[in-house]
Amino acid sequence: MSEPADSSIETTRQENIARILDSAERLFRHYGYTKTNVADIARDLGMSPANIYRFFSSKTEIHQALCARMLEASYQQASGICRLPVSATERLRRYVLAQHRMTVETMLDEQKVHEMVVVAIEQEWHVIEKHLDRIDKLLAGVIREGIEAGEFAKQDAEVAARCFGASIVTLCHPQIVAQCLAKENRPTPDELIEFAIKALKK
């Protein structure tokens, strides 16, 4: 088979995958993850369940792909912020505020989306661990540049990145954010960010 034909087949395959994921996300948002099944997605797209199974082996696999897509959007946002021509301190501050805002707006605004995220976290899917590793690398790069510029104390940038991420987890972890939003005895995002950044400077 010629390369153009192969390319056309792959393009069609990716288009079908995107259609399935778009439908699944729409139904998950409307009815909830647990109340939606593969037959519902197939019906929404006007195709048979068997056709869905040509691309995904189960609803769980569709959910994993959706989770990966959401995390990729989060990563691209973080990557863009980490490349901004501002100080390392300012990049870290903007990164955390943006991640917190995305968590609140995308994952918590609609309860049914939150349900989907909680299931993914409880299953400890590899896509989440892979995302955390990629974010750690981004943060390590920013911290390393901050050390070189004299903004931060000399230290292991990779260890510092993991510790920084752990220190602001209450601003980015969907379940923890959901529990803390209405609490008055919790630090504000700005307070927690400043505390975490100060730790890098000592």
C-alpha atoms as a PDB file:
ATOM      1  CA  MET A   1       0.000   0.000   0.000  1.00  0.00           C
ATOM      2  CA  SER A   2       1.335   3.443  -0.859  1.00  0.00           C
ATOM      3  CA  GLU A   3       2.303   5.978   1.792  1.00  0.00           C
ATOM      4  CA  PRO A   4      -0.453   8.475   0.809  1.00  0.00           C
ATOM      5  CA  ALA A   5      -3.038   5.698   1.230  1.00  0.00           C
ATOM      6  CA  ASP A   6      -1.592   4.762   4.622  1.00  0.00           C
ATOM      7  CA  SER A   7      -1.666   8.416   5.633  1.00  0.00           C
ATOM      8  CA  SER A   8      -5.303   8.749   4.567  1.00  0.00           C
ATOM      9  CA  ILE A   9      -6.305   5.661   6.558  1.00  0.00           C
ATOM     10  CA  GLU A  10      -4.514   6.960   9.673  1.00  0.00           C
ATOM     11  CA  THR A  11      -6.129  10.385   9.277  1.00  0.00           C
ATOM     12  CA  THR A  12      -9.573   8.778   9.075  1.00  0.00           C
ATOM     13  CA  ARG A  13      -8.771   6.640  12.123  1.00  0.00           C
ATOM     14  CA  GLN A  14      -7.726   9.685  14.160  1.00  0.00           C
ATOM     15  CA  GLU A  15     -10.852  11.556  13.072  1.00  0.00           C
ATOM     16  CA  ASN A  16     -13.030   8.663  14.263  1.00  0.00           C
ATOM     17  CA  ILE A  17     -11.183   8.507  17.581  1.00  0.00           C
ATOM     18  CA  ALA A  18     -11.683  12.261  18.050  1.00  0.00           C
ATOM     19  CA  ARG A  19     -15.414  11.915  17.280  1.00  0.00           C
ATOM     20  CA  ILE A  20     -15.772   9.111  19.815  1.00  0.00           C
ATOM     21  CA  LEU A  21     -13.923  11.064  22.499  1.00  0.00           C
ATOM     22  CA  ASP A  22     -15.929  14.226  21.805  1.00  0.00           C
ATOM     23  CA  SER A  23     -19.169  12.268  22.119  1.00  0.00           C
ATOM     24  CA  ALA A  24     -18.019  10.472  25.266  1.00  0.00           C
ATOM     25  CA  GLU A  25     -16.969  13.713  26.923  1.00  0.00           C
ATOM     26  CA  ARG A  26     -20.291  15.350  26.048  1.00  0.00           C
ATOM     27  CA  LEU A  27     -22.278  12.414  27.464  1.00  0.00           C
ATOM     28  CA  PHE A  28     -20.083  12.073  30.548  1.00  0.00           C
ATOM     29  CA  ARG A  29     -20.626  15.772  31.252  1.00  0.00           C
ATOM     30  CA  HIS A  30     -24.378  15.533  30.749  1.00  0.00           C
ATOM     31  CA  TYR A  31     -25.284  12.185  32.331  1.00  0.00           C
ATOM     32  CA  GLY A  32     -22.213  11.366  34.401  1.00  0.00           C
ATOM     33  CA  TYR A  33     -19.484   8.798  33.887  1.00  0.00           C
ATOM     34  CA  THR A  34     -21.150   5.886  35.676  1.00  0.00           C
ATOM     35  CA  LYS A  35     -24.487   6.370  33.894  1.00  0.00           C
ATOM     36  CA  THR A  36     -22.970   6.409  30.395  1.00  0.00           C
ATOM     37  CA  ASN A  37     -22.030   3.231  28.534  1.00  0.00           C
ATOM     38  CA  VAL A  38     -20.514   2.375  25.173  1.00  0.00           C
ATOM     39  CA  ALA A  39     -23.957   1.793  23.649  1.00  0.00           C
ATOM     40  CA  ASP A  40     -24.928   5.369  24.559  1.00  0.00           C
ATOM     41  CA  ILE A  41     -21.837   6.722  22.818  1.00  0.00           C
ATOM     42  CA  ALA A  42     -22.515   4.589  19.747  1.00  0.00           C
ATOM     43  CA  ARG A  43     -26.136   5.765  19.635  1.00  0.00           C
ATOM     44  CA  ASP A  44     -25.052   9.397  19.911  1.00  0.00           C
ATOM     45  CA  LEU A  45     -22.758   8.928  16.915  1.00  0.00           C
ATOM     46  CA  GLY A  46     -25.232   6.893  14.878  1.00  0.00           C
ATOM     47  CA  MET A  47     -22.990   3.835  14.766  1.00  0.00           C
ATOM     48  CA  SER A  48     -22.959   0.354  16.266  1.00  0.00           C
ATOM     49  CA  PRO A  49     -21.179  -0.480  19.557  1.00  0.00           C
ATOM     50  CA  ALA A  50     -19.046  -2.905  17.533  1.00  0.00           C
ATOM     51  CA  ASN A  51     -17.690   0.049  15.585  1.00  0.00           C
ATOM     52  CA  ILE A  52     -16.671   1.773  18.842  1.00  0.00           C
ATOM     53  CA  TYR A  53     -14.842  -1.385  19.889  1.00  0.00           C
ATOM     54  CA  ARG A  54     -12.742  -1.186  16.723  1.00  0.00           C
ATOM     55  CA  PHE A  55     -11.035   1.822  18.330  1.00  0.00           C
ATOM     56  CA  PHE A  56     -11.435   1.264  22.087  1.00  0.00           C
ATOM     57  CA  SER A  57     -11.673  -2.047  23.916  1.00  0.00           C
ATOM     58  CA  SER A  58     -13.839  -0.683  26.745  1.00  0.00           C
ATOM     59  CA  LYS A  59     -15.431   2.369  28.339  1.00  0.00           C
ATOM     60  CA  THR A  60     -12.443   2.478  30.671  1.00  0.00           C
ATOM     61  CA  GLU A  61     -10.103   2.821  27.703  1.00  0.00           C
ATOM     62  CA  ILE A  62     -12.222   5.687  26.333  1.00  0.00           C
ATOM     63  CA  HIS A  63     -12.056   7.324  29.751  1.00  0.00           C
ATOM     64  CA  GLN A  64      -8.275   6.924  29.848  1.00  0.00           C
ATOM     65  CA  ALA A  65      -7.962   8.557  26.433  1.00  0.00           C
ATOM     66  CA  LEU A  66     -10.173  11.440  27.564  1.00  0.00           C
ATOM     67  CA  CYS A  67      -8.096  11.825  30.701  1.00  0.00           C
ATOM     68  CA  ALA A  68      -4.927  11.912  28.606  1.00  0.00           C
ATOM     69  CA  ARG A  69      -6.462  14.605  26.395  1.00  0.00           C
ATOM     70  CA  MET A  70      -7.394  16.769  29.393  1.00  0.00           C
ATOM     71  CA  LEU A  71      -3.930  16.338  30.899  1.00  0.00           C
ATOM     72  CA  GLU A  72      -2.292  17.225  27.591  1.00  0.00           C
ATOM     73  CA  ALA A  73      -4.200  20.528  27.581  1.00  0.00           C
ATOM     74  CA  SER A  74      -2.964  21.131  31.125  1.00  0.00           C
ATOM     75  CA  TYR A  75       0.606  20.307  30.102  1.00  0.00           C
ATOM     76  CA  GLN A  76       0.518  22.596  27.063  1.00  0.00           C
ATOM     77  CA  GLN A  77      -0.683  25.456  29.259  1.00  0.00           C
ATOM     78  CA  ALA A  78       2.104  24.789  31.752  1.00  0.00           C
ATOM     79  CA  SER A  79       4.717  24.490  29.006  1.00  0.00           C
ATOM     80  CA  GLY A  80       3.705  27.829  27.523  1.00  0.00           C
ATOM     81  CA  ILE A  81       3.961  29.556  30.898  1.00  0.00           C
ATOM     82  CA  CYS A  82       7.361  27.984  31.627  1.00  0.00           C
ATOM     83  CA  ARG A  83       8.733  29.458  28.375  1.00  0.00           C
ATOM     84  CA  LEU A  84       7.614  33.029  29.064  1.00  0.00           C
ATOM     85  CA  PRO A  85      10.370  35.700  29.024  1.00  0.00           C
ATOM     86  CA  VAL A  86       9.917  36.592  32.701  1.00  0.00           C
ATOM     87  CA  SER A  87      11.724  35.632  35.884  1.00  0.00           C
ATOM     88  CA  ALA A  88      11.675  32.051  37.132  1.00  0.00           C
ATOM     89  CA  THR A  89       9.790  33.240  40.217  1.00  0.00           C
ATOM     90  CA  GLU A  90       7.075  34.826  38.104  1.00  0.00           C
ATOM     91  CA  ARG A  91       6.791  31.762  35.873  1.00  0.00           C
ATOM     92  CA  LEU A  92       6.283  29.477  38.867  1.00  0.00           C
ATOM     93  CA  ARG A  93       3.697  31.867  40.296  1.00  0.00           C
ATOM     94  CA  ARG A  94       1.777  32.048  37.015  1.00  0.00           C
ATOM     95  CA  TYR A  95       2.010  28.287  36.530  1.00  0.00           C
ATOM     96  CA  VAL A  96       0.414  27.481  39.884  1.00  0.00           C
ATOM     97  CA  LEU A  97      -2.325  30.127  39.541  1.00  0.00           C
ATOM     98  CA  ALA A  98      -3.176  28.862  36.046  1.00  0.00           C
ATOM     99  CA  GLN A  99      -3.276  25.218  37.189  1.00  0.00           C
ATOM    100  CA  HIS A 100      -5.474  26.137  40.138  1.00  0.00           C
ATOM    101  CA  ARG A 101      -7.838  28.082  37.880  1.00  0.00           C
ATOM    102  CA  MET A 102      -8.000  25.184  35.399  1.00  0.00           C
ATOM    103  CA  THR A 103      -8.728  22.720  38.195  1.00  0.00           C
ATOM    104  CA  VAL A 104     -11.570  24.854  39.550  1.00  0.00           C
ATOM    105  CA  GLU A 105     -13.087  25.801  36.197  1.00  0.00           C
ATOM    106  CA  THR A 106     -12.627  22.590  34.197  1.00  0.00           C
ATOM    107  CA  MET A 107     -12.719  19.845  36.782  1.00  0.00           C
ATOM    108  CA  LEU A 108     -14.922  21.179  39.550  1.00  0.00           C
ATOM    109  CA  ASP A 109     -17.374  23.536  37.865  1.00  0.00           C
ATOM    110  CA  GLU A 110     -19.451  20.585  36.743  1.00  0.00           C
ATOM    111  CA  GLN A 111     -19.928  17.777  39.258  1.00  0.00           C
ATOM    112  CA  LYS A 112     -20.085  15.154  36.527  1.00  0.00           C
ATOM    113  CA  VAL A 113     -16.635  16.149  35.253  1.00  0.00           C
ATOM    114  CA  HIS A 114     -15.336  15.923  38.804  1.00  0.00           C
ATOM    115  CA  GLU A 115     -16.723  12.381  39.018  1.00  0.00           C
ATOM    116  CA  MET A 116     -14.767  11.434  35.888  1.00  0.00           C
ATOM    117  CA  VAL A 117     -11.547  12.869  37.343  1.00  0.00           C
ATOM    118  CA  VAL A 118     -12.019  11.150  40.703  1.00  0.00           C
ATOM    119  CA  VAL A 119     -12.441   7.760  39.003  1.00  0.00           C
ATOM    120  CA  ALA A 120      -9.210   8.336  37.074  1.00  0.00           C
ATOM    121  CA  ILE A 121      -7.288   9.261  40.239  1.00  0.00           C
ATOM    122  CA  GLU A 122      -8.657   6.320  42.213  1.00  0.00           C
ATOM    123  CA  GLN A 123      -7.641   3.908  39.450  1.00  0.00           C
ATOM    124  CA  GLU A 124      -4.068   5.300  39.562  1.00  0.00           C
ATOM    125  CA  TRP A 125      -3.803   5.304  35.780  1.00  0.00           C
ATOM    126  CA  HIS A 126      -0.383   5.534  34.216  1.00  0.00           C
ATOM    127  CA  VAL A 127      -1.454   8.595  32.174  1.00  0.00           C
ATOM    128  CA  ILE A 128      -1.657  10.590  35.401  1.00  0.00           C
ATOM    129  CA  GLU A 129       1.769   9.451  36.590  1.00  0.00           C
ATOM    130  CA  LYS A 130       3.232  10.253  33.177  1.00  0.00           C
ATOM    131  CA  HIS A 131       1.679  13.731  33.343  1.00  0.00           C
ATOM    132  CA  LEU A 132       3.142  14.375  36.803  1.00  0.00           C
ATOM    133  CA  ASP A 133       6.596  13.314  35.589  1.00  0.00           C
ATOM    134  CA  ARG A 134       6.350  15.701  32.609  1.00  0.00           C
ATOM    135  CA  ILE A 135       5.264  18.573  34.869  1.00  0.00           C
ATOM    136  CA  ASP A 136       8.149  17.852  37.253  1.00  0.00           C
ATOM    137  CA  LYS A 137      10.587  18.144  34.332  1.00  0.00           C
ATOM    138  CA  LEU A 138       9.099  21.495  33.317  1.00  0.00           C
ATOM    139  CA  LEU A 139       9.341  22.835  36.864  1.00  0.00           C
ATOM    140  CA  ALA A 140      12.885  21.512  37.260  1.00  0.00           C
ATOM    141  CA  GLY A 141      13.883  23.438  34.144  1.00  0.00           C
ATOM    142  CA  VAL A 142      12.432  26.678  35.502  1.00  0.00           C
ATOM    143  CA  ILE A 143      14.007  26.156  38.916  1.00  0.00           C
ATOM    144  CA  ARG A 144      17.360  25.360  37.318  1.00  0.00           C
ATOM    145  CA  GLU A 145      17.216  28.642  35.397  1.00  0.00           C
ATOM    146  CA  GLY A 146      16.255  30.415  38.617  1.00  0.00           C
ATOM    147  CA  ILE A 147      19.303  28.952  40.361  1.00  0.00           C
ATOM    148  CA  GLU A 148      21.579  30.044  37.515  1.00  0.00           C
ATOM    149  CA  ALA A 149      20.093  33.547  37.623  1.00  0.00           C
ATOM    150  CA  GLY A 150      20.632  33.803  41.372  1.00  0.00           C
ATOM    151  CA  GLU A 151      16.921  33.879  42.183  1.00  0.00           C
ATOM    152  CA  PHE A 152      17.001  30.584  44.055  1.00  0.00           C
ATOM    153  CA  ALA A 153      19.538  28.933  46.345  1.00  0.00           C
ATOM    154  CA  LYS A 154      21.839  26.286  44.896  1.00  0.00           C
ATOM    155  CA  GLN A 155      20.099  22.921  45.157  1.00  0.00           C
ATOM    156  CA  ASP A 156      19.108  19.831  43.194  1.00  0.00           C
ATOM    157  CA  ALA A 157      16.561  21.218  40.720  1.00  0.00           C
ATOM    158  CA  GLU A 158      14.804  17.896  40.206  1.00  0.00           C
ATOM    159  CA  VAL A 159      14.322  17.306  43.939  1.00  0.00           C
ATOM    160  CA  ALA A 160      13.234  20.929  44.360  1.00  0.00           C
ATOM    161  CA  ALA A 161      10.669  20.528  41.550  1.00  0.00           C
ATOM    162  CA  ARG A 162       9.116  17.475  43.203  1.00  0.00           C
ATOM    163  CA  CYS A 163       8.984  19.229  46.565  1.00  0.00           C
ATOM    164  CA  PHE A 164       7.533  22.378  45.017  1.00  0.00           C
ATOM    165  CA  GLY A 165       4.831  20.319  43.316  1.00  0.00           C
ATOM    166  CA  ALA A 166       4.020  18.518  46.558  1.00  0.00           C
ATOM    167  CA  SER A 167       3.786  21.798  48.466  1.00  0.00           C
ATOM    168  CA  ILE A 168       1.111  23.225  46.153  1.00  0.00           C
ATOM    169  CA  VAL A 169      -0.867  19.987  45.688  1.00  0.00           C
ATOM    170  CA  THR A 170      -3.844  21.454  47.584  1.00  0.00           C
ATOM    171  CA  LEU A 171      -4.213  23.950  44.719  1.00  0.00           C
ATOM    172  CA  CYS A 172      -4.041  21.440  41.868  1.00  0.00           C
ATOM    173  CA  HIS A 173      -5.385  18.083  43.074  1.00  0.00           C
ATOM    174  CA  PRO A 174      -9.117  17.990  42.141  1.00  0.00           C
ATOM    175  CA  GLN A 175     -10.306  16.119  45.218  1.00  0.00           C
ATOM    176  CA  ILE A 176      -8.310  18.264  47.647  1.00  0.00           C
ATOM    177  CA  VAL A 177      -9.298  21.498  45.884  1.00  0.00           C
ATOM    178  CA  ALA A 178     -12.955  20.452  46.093  1.00  0.00           C
ATOM    179  CA  GLN A 179     -12.640  19.910  49.841  1.00  0.00           C
ATOM    180  CA  CYS A 180     -10.737  23.141  50.520  1.00  0.00           C
ATOM    181  CA  LEU A 181     -12.681  25.656  48.437  1.00  0.00           C
ATOM    182  CA  ALA A 182     -15.258  26.394  51.125  1.00  0.00           C
ATOM    183  CA  LYS A 183     -12.844  26.225  54.070  1.00  0.00           C
ATOM    184  CA  GLU A 184     -11.892  29.501  55.721  1.00  0.00           C
ATOM    185  CA  ASN A 185      -8.986  28.092  57.740  1.00  0.00           C
ATOM    186  CA  ARG A 186      -6.874  27.311  54.641  1.00  0.00           C
ATOM    187  CA  PRO A 187      -4.174  29.505  53.071  1.00  0.00           C
ATOM    188  CA  THR A 188      -5.194  31.400  49.953  1.00  0.00           C
ATOM    189  CA  PRO A 189      -3.578  30.398  46.650  1.00  0.00           C
ATOM    190  CA  ASP A 190      -1.373  33.505  46.735  1.00  0.00           C
ATOM    191  CA  GLU A 191      -0.235  32.810  50.302  1.00  0.00           C
ATOM    192  CA  LEU A 192       0.647  29.196  49.552  1.00  0.00           C
ATOM    193  CA  ILE A 193       2.473  30.095  46.343  1.00  0.00           C
ATOM    194  CA  GLU A 194       4.589  32.732  48.077  1.00  0.00           C
ATOM    195  CA  PHE A 195       5.439  30.266  50.840  1.00  0.00           C
ATOM    196  CA  ALA A 196       6.520  27.623  48.316  1.00  0.00           C
ATOM    197  CA  ILE A 197       8.632  30.095  46.325  1.00  0.00           C
ATOM    198  CA  LYS A 198      10.330  31.402  49.467  1.00  0.00           C
ATOM    199  CA  ALA A 199      11.429  27.837  50.251  1.00  0.00           C
ATOM    200  CA  LEU A 200      13.381  27.783  46.970  1.00  0.00           C
ATOM    201  CA  LYS A 201      15.252  30.947  47.939  1.00  0.00           C
ATOM    202  CA  LYS A 202      16.633  29.736  51.261  1.00  0.00           C
END
